[in-house]
Amino acid sequence: MLIAQTDPEKKNKGINAIIVEKNTPGITLGPHENKMGMRSSDTHSVMFTDVRVPKENRLGSHGEGFRIAMKILNSGRIGIASQALGIAMGAFERASQYAKERKAFGVEIGAHQAIAFKLADMAVKIETAQLLLLKTGWLKDQHREYTVAAAMSKQYCADIAMEITTQAVQIHGGYGYVKEYHVERLMREAKLTQIYEGTSEIQKIIISRAILNG
């Protein structure tokens, strides 16, 4: 699906959503991107040269592309928030288990307050994120307005995923920096959730506008 500006004078009212078949003449793919995370998902740039698409491939009426894109983004943000929360939970589980097994100064590192308090903060943030995400899903299921809730969920879940995975690496110490213990991978995966489907900064714009214009 391609979002294209077909009538620049109408600005966002001149944007259309179009289905473009992959084998349409004029479409070429760039090289496979070598990403820091989410490596199981292939990413390529897509280039269009004089690509012709029949009018019946347009989704909705003329000028509805922007509305369609925003609707897809709202729903998609719930999915990205869920992904971020899952990454955070995975990192927390690994960090908790490691804190029970690894010993320093004769006791498990989880017995040291520096580590125990990290785990407590991580648990609270995961629980908070989960409740916010469940509320957002409930609003969508009830066919109620959920744009701001989706933005809040996406921003908060992504930000705590980045924070918790970083702390998980810290709890693992030197082992957290090697691939064998996986938390370094979770930290790399978490970063993208702060970027795609709208960066965390974009979510703050949506939230703040709703507050100031409400």
C-alpha atoms as a PDB file:
ATOM      1  CA  MET A   1       0.000   0.000   0.000  1.00  0.00           C
ATOM      2  CA  LEU A   2       1.349   3.364  -1.032  1.00  0.00           C
ATOM      3  CA  ILE A   3       0.345   6.742   0.386  1.00  0.00           C
ATOM      4  CA  ALA A   4       0.791   9.266  -2.425  1.00  0.00           C
ATOM      5  CA  GLN A   5       0.246  12.999  -2.863  1.00  0.00           C
ATOM      6  CA  THR A   6      -1.746  13.190  -6.111  1.00  0.00           C
ATOM      7  CA  ASP A   7      -3.090  16.754  -5.791  1.00  0.00           C
ATOM      8  CA  PRO A   8      -0.521  18.982  -4.015  1.00  0.00           C
ATOM      9  CA  GLU A   9      -2.756  22.089  -4.064  1.00  0.00           C
ATOM     10  CA  LYS A  10      -5.261  20.324  -1.785  1.00  0.00           C
ATOM     11  CA  LYS A  11      -2.516  19.415   0.714  1.00  0.00           C
ATOM     12  CA  ASN A  12      -3.712  16.586   3.011  1.00  0.00           C
ATOM     13  CA  LYS A  13      -7.029  16.468   1.086  1.00  0.00           C
ATOM     14  CA  GLY A  14      -5.081  15.522  -2.022  1.00  0.00           C
ATOM     15  CA  ILE A  15      -3.471  12.400  -0.602  1.00  0.00           C
ATOM     16  CA  ASN A  16      -4.576   8.952  -1.732  1.00  0.00           C
ATOM     17  CA  ALA A  17      -3.941   5.404  -0.548  1.00  0.00           C
ATOM     18  CA  ILE A  18      -3.152   3.105  -3.459  1.00  0.00           C
ATOM     19  CA  ILE A  19      -2.558  -0.634  -3.792  1.00  0.00           C
ATOM     20  CA  VAL A  20       0.506  -1.176  -5.999  1.00  0.00           C
ATOM     21  CA  GLU A  21       1.353  -4.685  -7.182  1.00  0.00           C
ATOM     22  CA  LYS A  22       4.968  -5.648  -6.496  1.00  0.00           C
ATOM     23  CA  ASN A  23       5.622  -6.737 -10.079  1.00  0.00           C
ATOM     24  CA  THR A  24       4.323  -3.485 -11.652  1.00  0.00           C
ATOM     25  CA  PRO A  25       6.819  -2.146 -14.250  1.00  0.00           C
ATOM     26  CA  GLY A  26       8.978   0.669 -12.897  1.00  0.00           C
ATOM     27  CA  ILE A  27       9.314  -0.654  -9.340  1.00  0.00           C
ATOM     28  CA  THR A  28      12.789  -1.543  -8.090  1.00  0.00           C
ATOM     29  CA  LEU A  29      13.965  -2.547  -4.625  1.00  0.00           C
ATOM     30  CA  GLY A  30      17.046  -1.157  -2.961  1.00  0.00           C
ATOM     31  CA  PRO A  31      19.557  -3.401  -1.180  1.00  0.00           C
ATOM     32  CA  HIS A  32      18.643  -5.259   1.978  1.00  0.00           C
ATOM     33  CA  GLU A  33      19.242  -2.920   4.931  1.00  0.00           C
ATOM     34  CA  ASN A  34      21.686  -4.185   7.552  1.00  0.00           C
ATOM     35  CA  LYS A  35      19.819  -3.128  10.698  1.00  0.00           C
ATOM     36  CA  MET A  36      20.945  -3.101  14.335  1.00  0.00           C
ATOM     37  CA  GLY A  37      17.784  -4.947  15.431  1.00  0.00           C
ATOM     38  CA  MET A  38      14.561  -6.561  14.174  1.00  0.00           C
ATOM     39  CA  ARG A  39      16.774  -8.435  11.753  1.00  0.00           C
ATOM     40  CA  SER A  40      14.230 -11.159  10.982  1.00  0.00           C
ATOM     41  CA  SER A  41      12.094  -8.497   9.266  1.00  0.00           C
ATOM     42  CA  ASP A  42      13.535  -7.612   5.853  1.00  0.00           C
ATOM     43  CA  THR A  43      13.739  -3.903   5.061  1.00  0.00           C
ATOM     44  CA  HIS A  44      14.371  -2.407   1.614  1.00  0.00           C
ATOM     45  CA  SER A  45      13.881   1.015   0.065  1.00  0.00           C
ATOM     46  CA  VAL A  46      11.334   0.983  -2.793  1.00  0.00           C
ATOM     47  CA  MET A  47      11.899   3.154  -5.879  1.00  0.00           C
ATOM     48  CA  PHE A  48       9.263   4.127  -8.439  1.00  0.00           C
ATOM     49  CA  THR A  49      10.019   5.219 -12.002  1.00  0.00           C
ATOM     50  CA  ASP A  50       6.984   6.155 -14.163  1.00  0.00           C
ATOM     51  CA  VAL A  51       4.863   3.534 -12.407  1.00  0.00           C
ATOM     52  CA  ARG A  52       1.298   3.478 -13.722  1.00  0.00           C
ATOM     53  CA  VAL A  53      -1.476   2.204 -11.469  1.00  0.00           C
ATOM     54  CA  PRO A  54      -5.157   1.767 -12.482  1.00  0.00           C
ATOM     55  CA  LYS A  55      -7.676   4.018 -10.753  1.00  0.00           C
ATOM     56  CA  GLU A  56      -9.531   1.041  -9.292  1.00  0.00           C
ATOM     57  CA  ASN A  57      -6.456   0.363  -7.097  1.00  0.00           C
ATOM     58  CA  ARG A  58      -7.260   3.444  -5.029  1.00  0.00           C
ATOM     59  CA  LEU A  59      -8.615   2.762  -1.535  1.00  0.00           C
ATOM     60  CA  GLY A  60     -11.682   4.818  -0.642  1.00  0.00           C
ATOM     61  CA  SER A  61     -12.677   8.037  -2.338  1.00  0.00           C
ATOM     62  CA  HIS A  62     -10.323  10.649  -3.793  1.00  0.00           C
ATOM     63  CA  GLY A  63      -8.467  12.472  -1.023  1.00  0.00           C
ATOM     64  CA  GLU A  64      -9.113   9.901   1.720  1.00  0.00           C
ATOM     65  CA  GLY A  65      -5.527   8.666   1.846  1.00  0.00           C
ATOM     66  CA  PHE A  66      -4.507  10.795   4.813  1.00  0.00           C
ATOM     67  CA  ARG A  67      -7.518   9.658   6.859  1.00  0.00           C
ATOM     68  CA  ILE A  68      -6.804   6.028   5.991  1.00  0.00           C
ATOM     69  CA  ALA A  69      -3.133   6.399   6.945  1.00  0.00           C
ATOM     70  CA  MET A  70      -3.989   7.969  10.312  1.00  0.00           C
ATOM     71  CA  LYS A  71      -6.543   5.236  11.051  1.00  0.00           C
ATOM     72  CA  ILE A  72      -3.976   2.538  10.273  1.00  0.00           C
ATOM     73  CA  LEU A  73      -1.364   4.288  12.433  1.00  0.00           C
ATOM     74  CA  ASN A  74      -3.738   4.510  15.409  1.00  0.00           C
ATOM     75  CA  SER A  75      -4.399   0.789  15.286  1.00  0.00           C
ATOM     76  CA  GLY A  76      -0.783  -0.050  14.505  1.00  0.00           C
ATOM     77  CA  ARG A  77       0.437   1.835  17.549  1.00  0.00           C
ATOM     78  CA  ILE A  78      -1.388  -0.620  19.778  1.00  0.00           C
ATOM     79  CA  GLY A  79       0.535  -3.424  18.079  1.00  0.00           C
ATOM     80  CA  ILE A  80       3.894  -1.676  18.476  1.00  0.00           C
ATOM     81  CA  ALA A  81       3.118  -0.911  22.130  1.00  0.00           C
ATOM     82  CA  SER A  82       2.357  -4.612  22.637  1.00  0.00           C
ATOM     83  CA  GLN A  83       5.608  -5.545  20.956  1.00  0.00           C
ATOM     84  CA  ALA A  84       7.553  -3.109  23.137  1.00  0.00           C
ATOM     85  CA  LEU A  85       5.873  -4.415  26.284  1.00  0.00           C
ATOM     86  CA  GLY A  86       6.713  -8.001  25.325  1.00  0.00           C
ATOM     87  CA  ILE A  87      10.360  -7.071  24.806  1.00  0.00           C
ATOM     88  CA  ALA A  88      10.431  -5.338  28.197  1.00  0.00           C
ATOM     89  CA  MET A  89       8.834  -8.332  29.914  1.00  0.00           C
ATOM     90  CA  GLY A  90      11.321 -10.699  28.307  1.00  0.00           C
ATOM     91  CA  ALA A  91      14.259  -8.588  29.460  1.00  0.00           C
ATOM     92  CA  PHE A  92      12.791  -8.341  32.965  1.00  0.00           C
ATOM     93  CA  GLU A  93      12.370 -12.113  33.206  1.00  0.00           C
ATOM     94  CA  ARG A  94      15.973 -12.703  32.155  1.00  0.00           C
ATOM     95  CA  ALA A  95      17.294 -10.045  34.525  1.00  0.00           C
ATOM     96  CA  SER A  96      15.251 -11.407  37.435  1.00  0.00           C
ATOM     97  CA  GLN A  97      16.484 -14.948  36.831  1.00  0.00           C
ATOM     98  CA  TYR A  98      20.088 -13.815  36.514  1.00  0.00           C
ATOM     99  CA  ALA A  99      19.796 -11.820  39.770  1.00  0.00           C
ATOM    100  CA  LYS A 100      18.779 -15.038  41.559  1.00  0.00           C
ATOM    101  CA  GLU A 101      21.635 -17.077  40.106  1.00  0.00           C
ATOM    102  CA  ARG A 102      24.640 -14.755  39.935  1.00  0.00           C
ATOM    103  CA  LYS A 103      26.534 -14.327  43.210  1.00  0.00           C
ATOM    104  CA  ALA A 104      28.747 -11.475  44.368  1.00  0.00           C
ATOM    105  CA  PHE A 105      30.352 -11.170  47.806  1.00  0.00           C
ATOM    106  CA  GLY A 106      28.910 -14.534  48.739  1.00  0.00           C
ATOM    107  CA  VAL A 107      25.224 -13.800  48.010  1.00  0.00           C
ATOM    108  CA  GLU A 108      22.929 -13.582  44.988  1.00  0.00           C
ATOM    109  CA  ILE A 109      23.206 -10.137  43.390  1.00  0.00           C
ATOM    110  CA  GLY A 110      19.446  -9.706  43.822  1.00  0.00           C
ATOM    111  CA  ALA A 111      20.076  -9.522  47.571  1.00  0.00           C
ATOM    112  CA  HIS A 112      22.002  -6.289  47.027  1.00  0.00           C
ATOM    113  CA  GLN A 113      19.751  -3.247  47.222  1.00  0.00           C
ATOM    114  CA  ALA A 114      21.254  -1.685  44.084  1.00  0.00           C
ATOM    115  CA  ILE A 115      19.966  -4.599  42.007  1.00  0.00           C
ATOM    116  CA  ALA A 116      16.772  -5.234  44.006  1.00  0.00           C
ATOM    117  CA  PHE A 117      15.604  -1.636  43.536  1.00  0.00           C
ATOM    118  CA  LYS A 118      16.253  -1.824  39.789  1.00  0.00           C
ATOM    119  CA  LEU A 119      14.028  -4.901  39.586  1.00  0.00           C
ATOM    120  CA  ALA A 120      11.307  -3.208  41.657  1.00  0.00           C
ATOM    121  CA  ASP A 121      11.273  -0.163  39.352  1.00  0.00           C
ATOM    122  CA  MET A 122      11.170  -2.403  36.282  1.00  0.00           C
ATOM    123  CA  ALA A 123       8.209  -4.384  37.666  1.00  0.00           C
ATOM    124  CA  VAL A 124       6.201  -1.236  38.446  1.00  0.00           C
ATOM    125  CA  LYS A 125       6.768   0.212  34.967  1.00  0.00           C
ATOM    126  CA  ILE A 126       5.807  -3.040  33.247  1.00  0.00           C
ATOM    127  CA  GLU A 127       2.597  -3.276  35.266  1.00  0.00           C
ATOM    128  CA  THR A 128       1.737   0.365  34.505  1.00  0.00           C
ATOM    129  CA  ALA A 129       2.404  -0.110  30.795  1.00  0.00           C
ATOM    130  CA  GLN A 130       0.284  -3.245  30.679  1.00  0.00           C
ATOM    131  CA  LEU A 131      -2.702  -1.523  32.301  1.00  0.00           C
ATOM    132  CA  LEU A 132      -2.463   1.461  29.943  1.00  0.00           C
ATOM    133  CA  LEU A 133      -2.233  -0.842  26.928  1.00  0.00           C
ATOM    134  CA  LEU A 134      -5.208  -2.942  28.062  1.00  0.00           C
ATOM    135  CA  LYS A 135      -7.287   0.220  28.502  1.00  0.00           C
ATOM    136  CA  THR A 136      -6.386   1.319  24.959  1.00  0.00           C
ATOM    137  CA  GLY A 137      -7.398  -2.040  23.522  1.00  0.00           C
ATOM    138  CA  TRP A 138     -10.656  -1.887  25.465  1.00  0.00           C
ATOM    139  CA  LEU A 139     -11.455   1.573  24.052  1.00  0.00           C
ATOM    140  CA  LYS A 140     -10.847   0.297  20.507  1.00  0.00           C
ATOM    141  CA  ASP A 141     -12.992  -2.801  21.095  1.00  0.00           C
ATOM    142  CA  GLN A 142     -15.796  -0.576  22.404  1.00  0.00           C
ATOM    143  CA  HIS A 143     -15.555   1.572  19.235  1.00  0.00           C
ATOM    144  CA  ARG A 144     -14.673   4.597  21.330  1.00  0.00           C
ATOM    145  CA  GLU A 145     -12.108   7.305  20.549  1.00  0.00           C
ATOM    146  CA  TYR A 146      -8.651   5.893  21.270  1.00  0.00           C
ATOM    147  CA  THR A 147      -6.217   8.111  19.325  1.00  0.00           C
ATOM    148  CA  VAL A 148      -4.681   9.720  22.413  1.00  0.00           C
ATOM    149  CA  ALA A 149      -4.704   6.460  24.380  1.00  0.00           C
ATOM    150  CA  ALA A 150      -2.881   4.732  21.516  1.00  0.00           C
ATOM    151  CA  ALA A 151      -0.286   7.513  21.437  1.00  0.00           C
ATOM    152  CA  MET A 152       0.183   7.256  25.216  1.00  0.00           C
ATOM    153  CA  SER A 153       0.519   3.472  25.068  1.00  0.00           C
ATOM    154  CA  LYS A 154       2.953   3.564  22.190  1.00  0.00           C
ATOM    155  CA  GLN A 155       5.131   6.234  23.762  1.00  0.00           C
ATOM    156  CA  TYR A 156       5.161   4.797  27.279  1.00  0.00           C
ATOM    157  CA  CYS A 157       5.606   1.141  26.317  1.00  0.00           C
ATOM    158  CA  ALA A 158       8.405   1.985  23.877  1.00  0.00           C
ATOM    159  CA  ASP A 159      10.213   4.227  26.340  1.00  0.00           C
ATOM    160  CA  ILE A 160      10.041   1.739  29.210  1.00  0.00           C
ATOM    161  CA  ALA A 161      11.140  -1.058  26.857  1.00  0.00           C
ATOM    162  CA  MET A 162      14.290   0.901  26.070  1.00  0.00           C
ATOM    163  CA  GLU A 163      14.848   1.682  29.758  1.00  0.00           C
ATOM    164  CA  ILE A 164      14.185  -1.841  31.028  1.00  0.00           C
ATOM    165  CA  THR A 165      16.304  -3.588  28.406  1.00  0.00           C
ATOM    166  CA  THR A 166      19.168  -1.208  29.183  1.00  0.00           C
ATOM    167  CA  GLN A 167      18.820  -1.989  32.885  1.00  0.00           C
ATOM    168  CA  ALA A 168      18.706  -5.705  32.097  1.00  0.00           C
ATOM    169  CA  VAL A 169      22.060  -5.380  30.342  1.00  0.00           C
ATOM    170  CA  GLN A 170      23.386  -3.465  33.359  1.00  0.00           C
ATOM    171  CA  ILE A 171      22.204  -6.154  35.789  1.00  0.00           C
ATOM    172  CA  HIS A 172      23.976  -8.798  33.717  1.00  0.00           C
ATOM    173  CA  GLY A 173      27.191  -6.769  33.879  1.00  0.00           C
ATOM    174  CA  GLY A 174      29.820  -7.899  31.379  1.00  0.00           C
ATOM    175  CA  TYR A 175      27.689 -10.867  30.351  1.00  0.00           C
ATOM    176  CA  GLY A 176      24.963  -8.443  29.277  1.00  0.00           C
ATOM    177  CA  TYR A 177      27.273  -7.163  26.571  1.00  0.00           C
ATOM    178  CA  VAL A 178      27.741 -10.543  24.898  1.00  0.00           C
ATOM    179  CA  LYS A 179      25.244 -12.253  22.631  1.00  0.00           C
ATOM    180  CA  GLU A 180      25.005 -15.475  24.654  1.00  0.00           C
ATOM    181  CA  TYR A 181      22.695 -13.897  27.258  1.00  0.00           C
ATOM    182  CA  HIS A 182      20.338 -12.270  24.720  1.00  0.00           C
ATOM    183  CA  VAL A 183      19.600  -9.088  26.677  1.00  0.00           C
ATOM    184  CA  GLU A 184      21.831  -7.079  24.319  1.00  0.00           C
ATOM    185  CA  ARG A 185      19.595  -8.206  21.451  1.00  0.00           C
ATOM    186  CA  LEU A 186      16.468  -7.168  23.340  1.00  0.00           C
ATOM    187  CA  MET A 187      17.988  -3.735  23.897  1.00  0.00           C
ATOM    188  CA  ARG A 188      18.621  -3.392  20.153  1.00  0.00           C
ATOM    189  CA  GLU A 189      15.103  -4.578  19.347  1.00  0.00           C
ATOM    190  CA  ALA A 190      13.565  -2.116  21.823  1.00  0.00           C
ATOM    191  CA  LYS A 191      15.116   0.922  20.142  1.00  0.00           C
ATOM    192  CA  LEU A 192      13.024   0.574  17.001  1.00  0.00           C
ATOM    193  CA  THR A 193       9.780   0.691  18.976  1.00  0.00           C
ATOM    194  CA  GLN A 194      10.641   4.299  19.872  1.00  0.00           C
ATOM    195  CA  ILE A 195      10.962   5.128  16.173  1.00  0.00           C
ATOM    196  CA  TYR A 196       8.487   3.403  13.847  1.00  0.00           C
ATOM    197  CA  GLU A 197       4.715   4.003  13.697  1.00  0.00           C
ATOM    198  CA  GLY A 198       5.626   7.524  14.833  1.00  0.00           C
ATOM    199  CA  THR A 199       8.546   8.400  17.099  1.00  0.00           C
ATOM    200  CA  SER A 200       8.074   8.974  20.820  1.00  0.00           C
ATOM    201  CA  GLU A 201       8.305  12.698  20.066  1.00  0.00           C
ATOM    202  CA  ILE A 202       5.416  12.462  17.591  1.00  0.00           C
ATOM    203  CA  GLN A 203       3.316  10.711  20.239  1.00  0.00           C
ATOM    204  CA  LYS A 204       4.000  13.606  22.619  1.00  0.00           C
ATOM    205  CA  ILE A 205       2.794  16.053  19.957  1.00  0.00           C
ATOM    206  CA  ILE A 206      -0.477  14.105  19.623  1.00  0.00           C
ATOM    207  CA  ILE A 207      -0.937  13.935  23.397  1.00  0.00           C
ATOM    208  CA  SER A 208      -0.075  17.585  24.050  1.00  0.00           C
ATOM    209  CA  ARG A 209      -2.353  18.852  21.264  1.00  0.00           C
ATOM    210  CA  ALA A 210      -5.239  16.875  22.738  1.00  0.00           C
ATOM    211  CA  ILE A 211      -4.566  18.466  26.133  1.00  0.00           C
ATOM    212  CA  LEU A 212      -4.249  22.019  24.832  1.00  0.00           C
ATOM    213  CA  ASN A 213      -7.089  21.851  22.300  1.00  0.00           C
ATOM    214  CA  GLY A 214      -9.481  19.756  24.405  1.00  0.00           C
END
